């Protein structure tokens, strides 16, 4: 992991600012004259090591291969994996920001990516790709730097955060805020609430079908300790060990802010029509968080967009799970 330090005030869309920012990032392959750059934007709880969390898609031997491309993935602003976030020290106090960390948006994250792009000396991005929240960033970036981004690959994403998505996030934050420890200024604040928030999220990342298929108890005599309940608790515990409630709270707020048409006339159809990059978008048949109708809407209004609908039982998580199917679609599209 590498770090880029920006030692000037970083002005946020909210009107607030950070005194400076740090951006953690990974690169794969070598950058030289003629390099084809692929920039990967990650989702909510991922980090900048795309070759680790997107196995089957990014890395040696896969469709996004460092032997063929110079690959960059930057940890988003507000995260807890190396970039400036709520647990970072506030230079004014020497203590972590905690609750004082300012509101950030998807556009603020992209603005930080652009600073890193310039720092690395990258003049063109051959392919900008991301799923879910990563797709939010990619769409924003394609509007903010139309002449820099050449192609887009989007998965399980949308041009605006839906009322359904905002309601899910608000429910998750209520769970965090209901934790009695949330108001304490410690790294562990809100950890029980975070576990509950992750549990809520899992119900939208998967769906009825896959939960029934994978988590139904074979023992019909049970009256407690069900397999599905253990699974949800296990997933919550896993996240608590590697994440923190402050970051989750702020990043879900950032997702709520996602709207391509904000400050651009208010008409999302018109903004999509202005995106002329050649685009591949993949939707997952069983996704209930960013359902196919959202990807179909993008295809309807983006002039150079191809939509592939993947049949998968894994819901929203299909964009991570179905690496083989995704790679086949992406590889074919890249060769066209």
Foldseek 3Di string as FASTA:
>chain_A
DDKDKFQDWQAAPVRDTARIKMKDKDKAADDDVPAAEEEEEEDQQDARPCCVQQPLDDYPPHLNYSVRHIYMYIGFDQFDHTIDHQQDARVVVRGGNQVVDDFHALVSRLVVVVVVCVVVVQQAHAEYEYEASRQLNVLLNCLVCVPRYAEYEYELYFQAQDPVLLVLLVVLVVLQVPQPQQPPPDQARSLRSQLVSQLSVQPQQAHDVVCCVPFADPDPPDDDDGRSVVVSNVRSVVCSVPGGDRSSNNVSSNRNPRHNCVVPPNDNLVSLCVRAHQYEYEYECQRPRRHPVRVVSSVVRHPRYDYDYDYDNGYNCCVRVVSNVVRVVVSVVVVD
